[in-house]
PDB file of N, CA and C in Angstrom:
ATOM      1  N   UNK A   1     -14.240  63.106  40.321  1.00  0.00           N
ATOM      2  CA  UNK A   1     -15.664  63.443  40.398  1.00  0.00           C
ATOM      3  C   UNK A   1     -16.189  63.345  41.574  1.00  0.00           C
ATOM      4  N   UNK A   2     -16.061  61.969  42.310  1.00  0.00           N
ATOM      5  CA  UNK A   2     -16.641  61.953  43.708  1.00  0.00           C
ATOM      6  C   UNK A   2     -16.572  63.036  44.385  1.00  0.00           C
ATOM      7  N   UNK A   3     -15.340  63.772  44.555  1.00  0.00           N
ATOM      8  CA  UNK A   3     -14.799  64.778  45.364  1.00  0.00           C
ATOM      9  C   UNK A   3     -15.877  65.971  45.143  1.00  0.00           C
ATOM     10  N   UNK A   4     -16.182  66.247  43.942  1.00  0.00           N
ATOM     11  CA  UNK A   4     -16.941  67.536  43.854  1.00  0.00           C
ATOM     12  C   UNK A   4     -18.513  67.468  44.357  1.00  0.00           C
ATOM     13  N   UNK A   5     -18.989  66.154  44.335  1.00  0.00           N
ATOM     14  CA  UNK A   5     -20.092  66.207  44.994  1.00  0.00           C
ATOM     15  C   UNK A   5     -20.246  65.718  46.589  1.00  0.00           C
ATOM     16  N   UNK A   6     -19.056  65.338  46.874  1.00  0.00           N
ATOM     17  CA  UNK A   6     -19.129  65.019  48.341  1.00  0.00           C
ATOM     18  C   UNK A   6     -17.599  65.950  48.919  1.00  0.00           C
ATOM     19  N   UNK A   7     -17.540  67.284  49.215  1.00  0.00           N
ATOM     20  CA  UNK A   7     -16.807  67.780  49.695  1.00  0.00           C
ATOM     21  C   UNK A   7     -15.847  67.298  50.735  1.00  0.00           C
ATOM     22  N   UNK A   8     -16.390  66.487  51.624  1.00  0.00           N
ATOM     23  CA  UNK A   8     -15.665  66.242  52.885  1.00  0.00           C
ATOM     24  C   UNK A   8     -14.390  65.265  52.207  1.00  0.00           C
ATOM     25  N   UNK A   9     -14.581  64.721  51.115  1.00  0.00           N
ATOM     26  CA  UNK A   9     -13.624  63.679  50.471  1.00  0.00           C
ATOM     27  C   UNK A   9     -12.443  64.628  50.022  1.00  0.00           C
ATOM     28  N   UNK A  10     -12.548  65.990  49.842  1.00  0.00           N
ATOM     29  CA  UNK A  10     -11.500  66.861  49.378  1.00  0.00           C
ATOM     30  C   UNK A  10     -10.343  66.976  50.216  1.00  0.00           C
ATOM     31  N   UNK A  11     -10.415  66.335  51.484  1.00  0.00           N
ATOM     32  CA  UNK A  11      -9.333  66.272  52.197  1.00  0.00           C
ATOM     33  C   UNK A  11      -8.666  65.212  51.924  1.00  0.00           C
ATOM     34  N   UNK A  12      -7.460  64.941  51.760  1.00  0.00           N
ATOM     35  CA  UNK A  12      -6.672  63.716  51.208  1.00  0.00           C
ATOM     36  C   UNK A  12      -6.483  62.698  52.344  1.00  0.00           C
ATOM     37  N   UNK A  13      -6.500  63.330  53.413  1.00  0.00           N
ATOM     38  CA  UNK A  13      -6.157  62.314  54.551  1.00  0.00           C
ATOM     39  C   UNK A  13      -7.675  61.238  54.731  1.00  0.00           C
ATOM     40  N   UNK A  14      -8.650  62.094  54.872  1.00  0.00           N
ATOM     41  CA  UNK A  14     -10.010  61.363  54.875  1.00  0.00           C
ATOM     42  C   UNK A  14     -10.248  60.612  53.647  1.00  0.00           C
ATOM     43  N   UNK A  15     -10.012  61.015  52.298  1.00  0.00           N
ATOM     44  CA  UNK A  15     -10.124  60.306  50.944  1.00  0.00           C
ATOM     45  C   UNK A  15      -9.446  59.177  51.057  1.00  0.00           C
ATOM     46  N   UNK A  16      -8.139  59.160  51.825  1.00  0.00           N
ATOM     47  CA  UNK A  16      -7.286  57.841  51.527  1.00  0.00           C
ATOM     48  C   UNK A  16      -7.660  56.928  52.405  1.00  0.00           C
ATOM     49  N   UNK A  17      -8.748  57.291  53.355  1.00  0.00           N
ATOM     50  CA  UNK A  17      -9.252  56.398  54.356  1.00  0.00           C
ATOM     51  C   UNK A  17     -10.373  55.679  53.695  1.00  0.00           C
ATOM     52  N   UNK A  18     -10.989  56.084  52.644  1.00  0.00           N
ATOM     53  CA  UNK A  18     -12.339  55.455  52.300  1.00  0.00           C
ATOM     54  C   UNK A  18     -11.650  54.529  51.220  1.00  0.00           C
ATOM     55  N   UNK A  19     -12.906  53.676  50.756  1.00  0.00           N
ATOM     56  CA  UNK A  19     -12.271  52.515  49.835  1.00  0.00           C
ATOM     57  C   UNK A  19     -12.097  53.161  48.350  1.00  0.00           C
ATOM     58  N   UNK A  20     -12.840  54.189  48.098  1.00  0.00           N
ATOM     59  CA  UNK A  20     -12.564  54.932  46.805  1.00  0.00           C
ATOM     60  C   UNK A  20     -11.039  55.340  46.867  1.00  0.00           C
ATOM     61  N   UNK A  21     -10.850  55.630  47.748  1.00  0.00           N
ATOM     62  CA  UNK A  21      -9.099  56.243  48.073  1.00  0.00           C
ATOM     63  C   UNK A  21      -8.311  55.532  48.369  1.00  0.00           C
ATOM     64  N   UNK A  22      -8.677  53.958  48.572  1.00  0.00           N
ATOM     65  CA  UNK A  22      -7.876  52.914  48.431  1.00  0.00           C
ATOM     66  C   UNK A  22      -7.790  52.491  47.237  1.00  0.00           C
ATOM     67  N   UNK A  23      -8.839  52.551  46.350  1.00  0.00           N
ATOM     68  CA  UNK A  23      -8.899  52.418  45.040  1.00  0.00           C
ATOM     69  C   UNK A  23      -7.723  53.007  44.096  1.00  0.00           C
ATOM     70  N   UNK A  24      -7.933  54.352  44.521  1.00  0.00           N
ATOM     71  CA  UNK A  24      -7.283  55.304  43.808  1.00  0.00           C
ATOM     72  C   UNK A  24      -5.669  55.175  43.987  1.00  0.00           C
ATOM     73  N   UNK A  25      -5.490  55.022  45.229  1.00  0.00           N
ATOM     74  CA  UNK A  25      -4.014  54.914  45.521  1.00  0.00           C
ATOM     75  C   UNK A  25      -3.568  53.533  44.852  1.00  0.00           C
ATOM     76  N   UNK A  26      -4.434  52.692  44.587  1.00  0.00           N
ATOM     77  CA  UNK A  26      -3.753  51.328  44.084  1.00  0.00           C
ATOM     78  C   UNK A  26      -3.475  51.681  42.603  1.00  0.00           C
ATOM     79  N   UNK A  27      -4.349  52.207  41.752  1.00  0.00           N
ATOM     80  CA  UNK A  27      -4.090  52.634  40.269  1.00  0.00           C
ATOM     81  C   UNK A  27      -2.968  53.497  40.412  1.00  0.00           C
ATOM     82  N   UNK A  28      -2.930  54.424  41.147  1.00  0.00           N
ATOM     83  CA  UNK A  28      -2.045  55.302  41.089  1.00  0.00           C
ATOM     84  C   UNK A  28      -0.336  54.551  41.101  1.00  0.00           C
ATOM     85  N   UNK A  29      -0.434  53.772  42.136  1.00  0.00           N
ATOM     86  CA  UNK A  29       0.895  53.092  42.336  1.00  0.00           C
ATOM     87  C   UNK A  29       1.144  52.185  41.241  1.00  0.00           C
ATOM     88  N   UNK A  30       0.081  51.678  40.615  1.00  0.00           N
ATOM     89  CA  UNK A  30       0.260  50.770  39.169  1.00  0.00           C
ATOM     90  C   UNK A  30       1.007  51.901  38.310  1.00  0.00           C
ATOM     91  N   UNK A  31       0.280  52.898  38.009  1.00  0.00           N
ATOM     92  CA  UNK A  31       0.859  54.018  37.216  1.00  0.00           C
ATOM     93  C   UNK A  31       2.131  54.234  37.447  1.00  0.00           C
ATOM     94  N   UNK A  32       2.433  54.870  38.747  1.00  0.00           N
ATOM     95  CA  UNK A  32       3.700  55.258  39.053  1.00  0.00           C
ATOM     96  C   UNK A  32       4.851  54.061  38.853  1.00  0.00           C
ATOM     97  N   UNK A  33       4.631  52.774  39.165  1.00  0.00           N
ATOM     98  CA  UNK A  33       5.641  51.705  38.961  1.00  0.00           C
ATOM     99  C   UNK A  33       5.723  51.465  37.563  1.00  0.00           C
ATOM    100  N   UNK A  34       4.785  51.789  36.478  1.00  0.00           N
ATOM    101  CA  UNK A  34       4.867  51.555  35.242  1.00  0.00           C
ATOM    102  C   UNK A  34       5.951  52.536  34.500  1.00  0.00           C
ATOM    103  N   UNK A  35       5.542  53.649  35.084  1.00  0.00           N
ATOM    104  CA  UNK A  35       6.238  54.781  34.557  1.00  0.00           C
ATOM    105  C   UNK A  35       7.921  54.766  35.011  1.00  0.00           C
ATOM    106  N   UNK A  36       7.844  54.206  35.857  1.00  0.00           N
ATOM    107  CA  UNK A  36       9.385  54.106  36.786  1.00  0.00           C
ATOM    108  C   UNK A  36      10.092  52.920  36.032  1.00  0.00           C
ATOM    109  N   UNK A  37       9.358  51.927  35.560  1.00  0.00           N
ATOM    110  CA  UNK A  37       9.978  50.607  34.937  1.00  0.00           C
ATOM    111  C   UNK A  37      10.648  51.236  33.584  1.00  0.00           C
ATOM    112  N   UNK A  38       9.750  51.866  32.882  1.00  0.00           N
ATOM    113  CA  UNK A  38      10.003  52.299  31.434  1.00  0.00           C
ATOM    114  C   UNK A  38      11.185  53.343  31.800  1.00  0.00           C
ATOM    115  N   UNK A  39      11.370  54.279  32.588  1.00  0.00           N
ATOM    116  CA  UNK A  39      12.563  55.121  33.051  1.00  0.00           C
ATOM    117  C   UNK A  39      13.564  54.409  33.224  1.00  0.00           C
ATOM    118  N   UNK A  40      13.626  53.328  34.007  1.00  0.00           N
ATOM    119  CA  UNK A  40      14.882  52.576  34.280  1.00  0.00           C
ATOM    120  C   UNK A  40      15.339  51.681  33.150  1.00  0.00           C
ATOM    121  N   UNK A  41      14.449  51.226  32.667  1.00  0.00           N
ATOM    122  CA  UNK A  41      14.631  50.404  31.185  1.00  0.00           C
ATOM    123  C   UNK A  41      15.606  51.353  30.008  1.00  0.00           C
ATOM    124  N   UNK A  42      14.995  52.456  30.221  1.00  0.00           N
ATOM    125  CA  UNK A  42      15.586  53.384  28.867  1.00  0.00           C
ATOM    126  C   UNK A  42      16.760  53.918  29.572  1.00  0.00           C
ATOM    127  N   UNK A  43      17.178  54.331  30.743  1.00  0.00           N
ATOM    128  CA  UNK A  43      18.218  54.627  31.495  1.00  0.00           C
ATOM    129  C   UNK A  43      19.418  53.371  31.262  1.00  0.00           C
ATOM    130  N   UNK A  44      18.823  52.262  31.287  1.00  0.00           N
ATOM    131  CA  UNK A  44      19.862  50.974  31.491  1.00  0.00           C
ATOM    132  C   UNK A  44      20.261  51.214  30.027  1.00  0.00           C
ATOM    133  N   UNK A  45      19.234  50.949  28.895  1.00  0.00           N
ATOM    134  CA  UNK A  45      19.705  50.882  27.645  1.00  0.00           C
ATOM    135  C   UNK A  45      20.899  52.126  27.462  1.00  0.00           C
ATOM    136  N   UNK A  46      20.837  53.322  27.855  1.00  0.00           N
ATOM    137  CA  UNK A  46      21.499  54.268  27.658  1.00  0.00           C
ATOM    138  C   UNK A  46      23.085  54.278  28.152  1.00  0.00           C
ATOM    139  N   UNK A  47      22.769  53.436  29.529  1.00  0.00           N
ATOM    140  CA  UNK A  47      24.360  53.301  30.145  1.00  0.00           C
ATOM    141  C   UNK A  47      24.869  52.083  29.373  1.00  0.00           C
ATOM    142  N   UNK A  48      23.916  50.955  28.582  1.00  0.00           N
ATOM    143  CA  UNK A  48      24.867  50.043  28.194  1.00  0.00           C
ATOM    144  C   UNK A  48      25.437  50.234  26.694  1.00  0.00           C
ATOM    145  N   UNK A  49      24.750  51.352  26.107  1.00  0.00           N
ATOM    146  CA  UNK A  49      25.293  51.750  24.914  1.00  0.00           C
ATOM    147  C   UNK A  49      26.178  52.821  24.907  1.00  0.00           C
ATOM    148  N   UNK A  50      26.724  53.269  26.328  1.00  0.00           N
ATOM    149  CA  UNK A  50      27.769  54.351  26.522  1.00  0.00           C
ATOM    150  C   UNK A  50      26.882  55.589  26.062  1.00  0.00           C
ATOM    151  N   UNK A  51      25.569  55.815  26.525  1.00  0.00           N
ATOM    152  CA  UNK A  51      25.027  57.024  25.860  1.00  0.00           C
ATOM    153  C   UNK A  51      25.281  57.715  24.287  1.00  0.00           C
ATOM    154  N   UNK A  52      25.514  56.486  23.807  1.00  0.00           N
ATOM    155  CA  UNK A  52      25.913  57.017  22.212  1.00  0.00           C
ATOM    156  C   UNK A  52      24.825  57.624  21.467  1.00  0.00           C
ATOM    157  N   UNK A  53      23.152  57.233  21.825  1.00  0.00           N
ATOM    158  CA  UNK A  53      22.292  58.064  21.227  1.00  0.00           C
ATOM    159  C   UNK A  53      22.088  59.551  21.875  1.00  0.00           C
ATOM    160  N   UNK A  54      22.577  59.573  23.378  1.00  0.00           N
ATOM    161  CA  UNK A  54      22.218  60.928  23.798  1.00  0.00           C
ATOM    162  C   UNK A  54      23.283  61.906  23.361  1.00  0.00           C
ATOM    163  N   UNK A  55      24.480  61.308  22.989  1.00  0.00           N
ATOM    164  CA  UNK A  55      25.718  62.259  22.693  1.00  0.00           C
ATOM    165  C   UNK A  55      25.292  63.146  21.401  1.00  0.00           C
ATOM    166  N   UNK A  56      24.447  62.807  20.674  1.00  0.00           N
ATOM    167  CA  UNK A  56      23.720  63.721  19.861  1.00  0.00           C
ATOM    168  C   UNK A  56      22.863  64.866  20.196  1.00  0.00           C
ATOM    169  N   UNK A  57      22.496  64.875  21.440  1.00  0.00           N
ATOM    170  CA  UNK A  57      21.554  65.505  21.828  1.00  0.00           C
ATOM    171  C   UNK A  57      21.861  67.123  21.494  1.00  0.00           C
ATOM    172  N   UNK A  58      23.060  67.898  21.848  1.00  0.00           N
ATOM    173  CA  UNK A  58      23.138  68.837  21.529  1.00  0.00           C
ATOM    174  C   UNK A  58      23.181  69.114  20.197  1.00  0.00           C
ATOM    175  N   UNK A  59      23.616  68.258  19.171  1.00  0.00           N
ATOM    176  CA  UNK A  59      23.674  68.408  17.739  1.00  0.00           C
ATOM    177  C   UNK A  59      22.342  68.609  17.395  1.00  0.00           C
ATOM    178  N   UNK A  60      21.363  67.691  17.754  1.00  0.00           N
ATOM    179  CA  UNK A  60      20.030  67.866  17.359  1.00  0.00           C
ATOM    180  C   UNK A  60      19.337  69.129  17.979  1.00  0.00           C
ATOM    181  N   UNK A  61      19.524  69.847  19.128  1.00  0.00           N
ATOM    182  CA  UNK A  61      19.028  71.038  19.415  1.00  0.00           C
ATOM    183  C   UNK A  61      19.545  72.106  18.774  1.00  0.00           C
ATOM    184  N   UNK A  62      20.642  71.990  18.106  1.00  0.00           N
ATOM    185  CA  UNK A  62      21.432  73.096  17.506  1.00  0.00           C
ATOM    186  C   UNK A  62      20.717  72.818  15.820  1.00  0.00           C
ATOM    187  N   UNK A  63      20.273  71.909  15.246  1.00  0.00           N
ATOM    188  CA  UNK A  63      19.933  71.803  14.006  1.00  0.00           C
ATOM    189  C   UNK A  63      18.428  71.871  14.035  1.00  0.00           C
ATOM    190  N   UNK A  64      17.751  72.399  14.894  1.00  0.00           N
ATOM    191  CA  UNK A  64      16.532  72.406  14.816  1.00  0.00           C
ATOM    192  C   UNK A  64      15.886  73.452  14.153  1.00  0.00           C
ATOM    193  N   UNK A  65      16.627  74.669  13.899  1.00  0.00           N
ATOM    194  CA  UNK A  65      16.154  75.507  13.105  1.00  0.00           C
ATOM    195  C   UNK A  65      16.511  75.083  11.603  1.00  0.00           C
ATOM    196  N   UNK A  66      17.077  74.017  11.305  1.00  0.00           N
ATOM    197  CA  UNK A  66      17.206  73.550  10.119  1.00  0.00           C
ATOM    198  C   UNK A  66      16.041  72.782   9.471  1.00  0.00           C
ATOM    199  N   UNK A  67      15.126  72.548  10.285  1.00  0.00           N
ATOM    200  CA  UNK A  67      13.796  71.779  10.146  1.00  0.00           C
ATOM    201  C   UNK A  67      12.984  73.049   9.313  1.00  0.00           C
ATOM    202  N   UNK A  68      13.069  74.512   9.578  1.00  0.00           N
ATOM    203  CA  UNK A  68      12.182  75.131   8.664  1.00  0.00           C
ATOM    204  C   UNK A  68      12.708  75.213   7.522  1.00  0.00           C
ATOM    205  N   UNK A  69      13.970  74.991   6.979  1.00  0.00           N
ATOM    206  CA  UNK A  69      14.205  74.801   5.886  1.00  0.00           C
ATOM    207  C   UNK A  69      13.746  73.708   4.902  1.00  0.00           C
ATOM    208  N   UNK A  70      13.182  72.774   5.478  1.00  0.00           N
ATOM    209  CA  UNK A  70      12.888  71.402   4.622  1.00  0.00           C
ATOM    210  C   UNK A  70      13.618  70.465   4.822  1.00  0.00           C
ATOM    211  N   UNK A  71      14.755  70.487   5.661  1.00  0.00           N
ATOM    212  CA  UNK A  71      15.601  69.642   5.635  1.00  0.00           C
ATOM    213  C   UNK A  71      15.060  68.470   7.076  1.00  0.00           C
ATOM    214  N   UNK A  72      14.854  67.174   6.714  1.00  0.00           N
ATOM    215  CA  UNK A  72      14.259  66.110   7.679  1.00  0.00           C
ATOM    216  C   UNK A  72      15.170  65.794   8.561  1.00  0.00           C
ATOM    217  N   UNK A  73      15.055  65.606   9.779  1.00  0.00           N
ATOM    218  CA  UNK A  73      16.044  65.173  10.775  1.00  0.00           C
ATOM    219  C   UNK A  73      15.364  64.240  11.789  1.00  0.00           C
ATOM    220  N   UNK A  74      16.191  63.448  12.516  1.00  0.00           N
ATOM    221  CA  UNK A  74      15.692  62.439  13.371  1.00  0.00           C
ATOM    222  C   UNK A  74      15.514  63.391  14.691  1.00  0.00           C
ATOM    223  N   UNK A  75      14.283  63.347  15.211  1.00  0.00           N
ATOM    224  CA  UNK A  75      13.913  63.647  16.588  1.00  0.00           C
ATOM    225  C   UNK A  75      14.241  62.539  17.571  1.00  0.00           C
ATOM    226  N   UNK A  76      14.635  63.177  18.545  1.00  0.00           N
ATOM    227  CA  UNK A  76      14.684  62.324  19.784  1.00  0.00           C
ATOM    228  C   UNK A  76      13.095  62.117  20.802  1.00  0.00           C
ATOM    229  N   UNK A  77      13.028  61.034  21.366  1.00  0.00           N
ATOM    230  CA  UNK A  77      11.956  61.056  22.047  1.00  0.00           C
ATOM    231  C   UNK A  77      11.825  61.898  23.373  1.00  0.00           C
ATOM    232  N   UNK A  78      10.917  62.203  23.841  1.00  0.00           N
ATOM    233  CA  UNK A  78      10.463  62.979  24.843  1.00  0.00           C
ATOM    234  C   UNK A  78      11.430  62.365  26.145  1.00  0.00           C
ATOM    235  N   UNK A  79      10.997  61.154  26.373  1.00  0.00           N
ATOM    236  CA  UNK A  79      11.873  60.484  27.744  1.00  0.00           C
ATOM    237  C   UNK A  79      13.365  60.535  27.385  1.00  0.00           C
ATOM    238  N   UNK A  80      13.908  60.582  26.139  1.00  0.00           N
ATOM    239  CA  UNK A  80      15.401  60.533  25.867  1.00  0.00           C
ATOM    240  C   UNK A  80      15.647  62.022  26.289  1.00  0.00           C
ATOM    241  N   UNK A  81      14.993  62.992  25.894  1.00  0.00           N
ATOM    242  CA  UNK A  81      15.298  64.360  25.920  1.00  0.00           C
ATOM    243  C   UNK A  81      15.241  64.725  27.527  1.00  0.00           C
ATOM    244  N   UNK A  82      14.519  64.070  28.275  1.00  0.00           N
ATOM    245  CA  UNK A  82      14.272  64.046  29.600  1.00  0.00           C
ATOM    246  C   UNK A  82      15.710  63.450  30.382  1.00  0.00           C
ATOM    247  N   UNK A  83      16.139  62.218  29.775  1.00  0.00           N
ATOM    248  CA  UNK A  83      17.041  61.374  30.360  1.00  0.00           C
ATOM    249  C   UNK A  83      18.619  62.489  30.220  1.00  0.00           C
ATOM    250  N   UNK A  84      18.574  62.878  29.127  1.00  0.00           N
ATOM    251  CA  UNK A  84      19.838  63.670  28.814  1.00  0.00           C
ATOM    252  C   UNK A  84      19.759  64.878  29.759  1.00  0.00           C
ATOM    253  N   UNK A  85      18.687  65.670  29.790  1.00  0.00           N
ATOM    254  CA  UNK A  85      18.538  66.474  30.568  1.00  0.00           C
ATOM    255  C   UNK A  85      18.956  66.091  32.226  1.00  0.00           C
ATOM    256  N   UNK A  86      18.728  65.068  32.704  1.00  0.00           N
ATOM    257  CA  UNK A  86      19.145  64.637  34.004  1.00  0.00           C
ATOM    258  C   UNK A  86      20.539  64.349  33.834  1.00  0.00           C
ATOM    259  N   UNK A  87      21.182  64.271  33.002  1.00  0.00           N
ATOM    260  CA  UNK A  87      22.732  64.113  33.108  1.00  0.00           C
ATOM    261  C   UNK A  87      23.230  65.537  33.199  1.00  0.00           C
ATOM    262  N   UNK A  88      22.764  66.593  32.201  1.00  0.00           N
ATOM    263  CA  UNK A  88      23.225  67.654  32.382  1.00  0.00           C
ATOM    264  C   UNK A  88      22.680  68.549  33.275  1.00  0.00           C
ATOM    265  N   UNK A  89      21.478  68.549  33.762  1.00  0.00           N
ATOM    266  CA  UNK A  89      21.311  69.557  34.877  1.00  0.00           C
ATOM    267  C   UNK A  89      20.547  69.059  36.232  1.00  0.00           C
ATOM    268  N   UNK A  90      20.986  67.527  36.429  1.00  0.00           N
ATOM    269  CA  UNK A  90      20.595  66.974  37.657  1.00  0.00           C
ATOM    270  C   UNK A  90      18.895  66.903  37.799  1.00  0.00           C
ATOM    271  N   UNK A  91      18.457  66.778  36.842  1.00  0.00           N
ATOM    272  CA  UNK A  91      16.691  66.302  36.800  1.00  0.00           C
ATOM    273  C   UNK A  91      16.690  64.961  37.424  1.00  0.00           C
ATOM    274  N   UNK A  92      15.860  64.806  38.611  1.00  0.00           N
ATOM    275  CA  UNK A  92      15.839  63.600  39.174  1.00  0.00           C
ATOM    276  C   UNK A  92      15.033  62.542  38.619  1.00  0.00           C
ATOM    277  N   UNK A  93      14.880  61.511  39.034  1.00  0.00           N
ATOM    278  CA  UNK A  93      13.967  60.560  38.456  1.00  0.00           C
ATOM    279  C   UNK A  93      12.395  60.736  38.723  1.00  0.00           C
ATOM    280  N   UNK A  94      12.054  61.228  40.000  1.00  0.00           N
ATOM    281  CA  UNK A  94      11.004  61.727  40.273  1.00  0.00           C
ATOM    282  C   UNK A  94      10.542  63.057  39.074  1.00  0.00           C
ATOM    283  N   UNK A  95      11.366  63.952  39.003  1.00  0.00           N
ATOM    284  CA  UNK A  95      10.874  65.017  37.828  1.00  0.00           C
ATOM    285  C   UNK A  95      10.696  64.354  36.826  1.00  0.00           C
ATOM    286  N   UNK A  96      11.308  63.547  36.288  1.00  0.00           N
ATOM    287  CA  UNK A  96      11.332  62.416  35.078  1.00  0.00           C
ATOM    288  C   UNK A  96       9.835  61.969  35.188  1.00  0.00           C
ATOM    289  N   UNK A  97       9.665  61.298  36.022  1.00  0.00           N
ATOM    290  CA  UNK A  97       8.427  60.336  36.379  1.00  0.00           C
ATOM    291  C   UNK A  97       6.897  61.303  36.172  1.00  0.00           C
ATOM    292  N   UNK A  98       7.285  62.716  36.975  1.00  0.00           N
ATOM    293  CA  UNK A  98       6.185  63.211  36.706  1.00  0.00           C
ATOM    294  C   UNK A  98       5.827  63.914  35.439  1.00  0.00           C
ATOM    295  N   UNK A  99       7.008  64.228  34.813  1.00  0.00           N
ATOM    296  CA  UNK A  99       6.844  64.686  33.196  1.00  0.00           C
ATOM    297  C   UNK A  99       6.137  63.488  32.378  1.00  0.00           C
ATOM    298  N   UNK A 100       6.441  62.410  32.418  1.00  0.00           N
ATOM    299  CA  UNK A 100       6.129  61.279  31.900  1.00  0.00           C
ATOM    300  C   UNK A 100       4.603  60.977  32.123  1.00  0.00           C
ATOM    301  N   UNK A 101       4.106  60.811  33.344  1.00  0.00           N
ATOM    302  CA  UNK A 101       2.972  60.606  34.037  1.00  0.00           C
ATOM    303  C   UNK A 101       2.060  61.752  33.562  1.00  0.00           C
ATOM    304  N   UNK A 102       2.477  62.895  33.404  1.00  0.00           N
ATOM    305  CA  UNK A 102       1.654  63.988  32.886  1.00  0.00           C
ATOM    306  C   UNK A 102       1.463  63.832  31.277  1.00  0.00           C
ATOM    307  N   UNK A 103       2.206  63.530  30.535  1.00  0.00           N
ATOM    308  CA  UNK A 103       2.405  63.007  29.113  1.00  0.00           C
ATOM    309  C   UNK A 103       1.244  61.886  28.888  1.00  0.00           C
ATOM    310  N   UNK A 104       1.444  60.917  29.530  1.00  0.00           N
ATOM    311  CA  UNK A 104       0.314  59.675  29.391  1.00  0.00           C
ATOM    312  C   UNK A 104      -1.078  60.275  29.705  1.00  0.00           C
ATOM    313  N   UNK A 105      -1.195  61.249  30.876  1.00  0.00           N
ATOM    314  CA  UNK A 105      -2.620  61.623  31.160  1.00  0.00           C
ATOM    315  C   UNK A 105      -3.069  62.249  30.141  1.00  0.00           C
ATOM    316  N   UNK A 106      -2.284  63.335  29.452  1.00  0.00           N
ATOM    317  CA  UNK A 106      -2.660  63.929  28.485  1.00  0.00           C
ATOM    318  C   UNK A 106      -3.096  63.216  26.997  1.00  0.00           C
ATOM    319  N   UNK A 107      -2.307  62.444  26.925  1.00  0.00           N
ATOM    320  CA  UNK A 107      -2.646  61.274  25.673  1.00  0.00           C
ATOM    321  C   UNK A 107      -3.869  60.676  25.777  1.00  0.00           C
ATOM    322  N   UNK A 108      -4.021  60.183  27.063  1.00  0.00           N
ATOM    323  CA  UNK A 108      -5.156  59.365  27.607  1.00  0.00           C
ATOM    324  C   UNK A 108      -6.453  60.240  27.111  1.00  0.00           C
ATOM    325  N   UNK A 109      -6.412  61.529  27.930  1.00  0.00           N
ATOM    326  CA  UNK A 109      -7.369  62.579  27.450  1.00  0.00           C
ATOM    327  C   UNK A 109      -7.751  62.707  26.225  1.00  0.00           C
ATOM    328  N   UNK A 110      -6.492  62.972  25.396  1.00  0.00           N
ATOM    329  CA  UNK A 110      -6.919  63.366  23.985  1.00  0.00           C
ATOM    330  C   UNK A 110      -7.712  62.277  23.274  1.00  0.00           C
ATOM    331  N   UNK A 111      -6.949  60.910  23.590  1.00  0.00           N
ATOM    332  CA  UNK A 111      -7.813  59.854  22.954  1.00  0.00           C
ATOM    333  C   UNK A 111      -9.367  59.874  23.327  1.00  0.00           C
ATOM    334  N   UNK A 112      -9.682  59.955  24.753  1.00  0.00           N
ATOM    335  CA  UNK A 112     -10.816  59.564  24.980  1.00  0.00           C
ATOM    336  C   UNK A 112     -11.736  61.069  24.477  1.00  0.00           C
ATOM    337  N   UNK A 113     -11.409  62.198  24.303  1.00  0.00           N
ATOM    338  CA  UNK A 113     -11.958  63.262  23.747  1.00  0.00           C
ATOM    339  C   UNK A 113     -12.497  62.953  22.165  1.00  0.00           C
ATOM    340  N   UNK A 114     -11.334  62.472  21.475  1.00  0.00           N
ATOM    341  CA  UNK A 114     -11.667  61.720  20.281  1.00  0.00           C
ATOM    342  C   UNK A 114     -13.001  60.924  19.969  1.00  0.00           C
ATOM    343  N   UNK A 115     -13.272  60.002  21.102  1.00  0.00           N
ATOM    344  CA  UNK A 115     -14.370  59.081  20.849  1.00  0.00           C
ATOM    345  C   UNK A 115     -15.462  59.855  21.368  1.00  0.00           C
ATOM    346  N   UNK A 116     -15.475  60.954  21.849  1.00  0.00           N
ATOM    347  CA  UNK A 116     -16.754  61.447  22.107  1.00  0.00           C
ATOM    348  C   UNK A 116     -17.350  62.461  20.687  1.00  0.00           C
ATOM    349  N   UNK A 117     -16.417  62.748  19.941  1.00  0.00           N
ATOM    350  CA  UNK A 117     -16.829  63.435  18.749  1.00  0.00           C
ATOM    351  C   UNK A 117     -17.878  62.732  17.768  1.00  0.00           C
TER     352      UNK A 117
END
């Protein structure tokens, strides 16, 4: 919001030199370390379990149409889907982190907007 009223802060280099920029970077690093920790723990879980949960990923994708018929099925968590894709298509940890950060941000915005109603 400060960048809107102070156009000289639009330059990221200048912004990072200000106290507000340092605070922003501090909280951004906290967010990134949190999501990296979650991703690492979940990958470790899949490695320890031999990827048993991820083996059913293709089956779950194929049976997606079955849900239309009213048959309930177990869904995979978004993070597990991203990890499965990282094994299949080479999605990097950075790509996964960006997706998780986006998801966390969107959930936060949705919750905040509900308080405004």
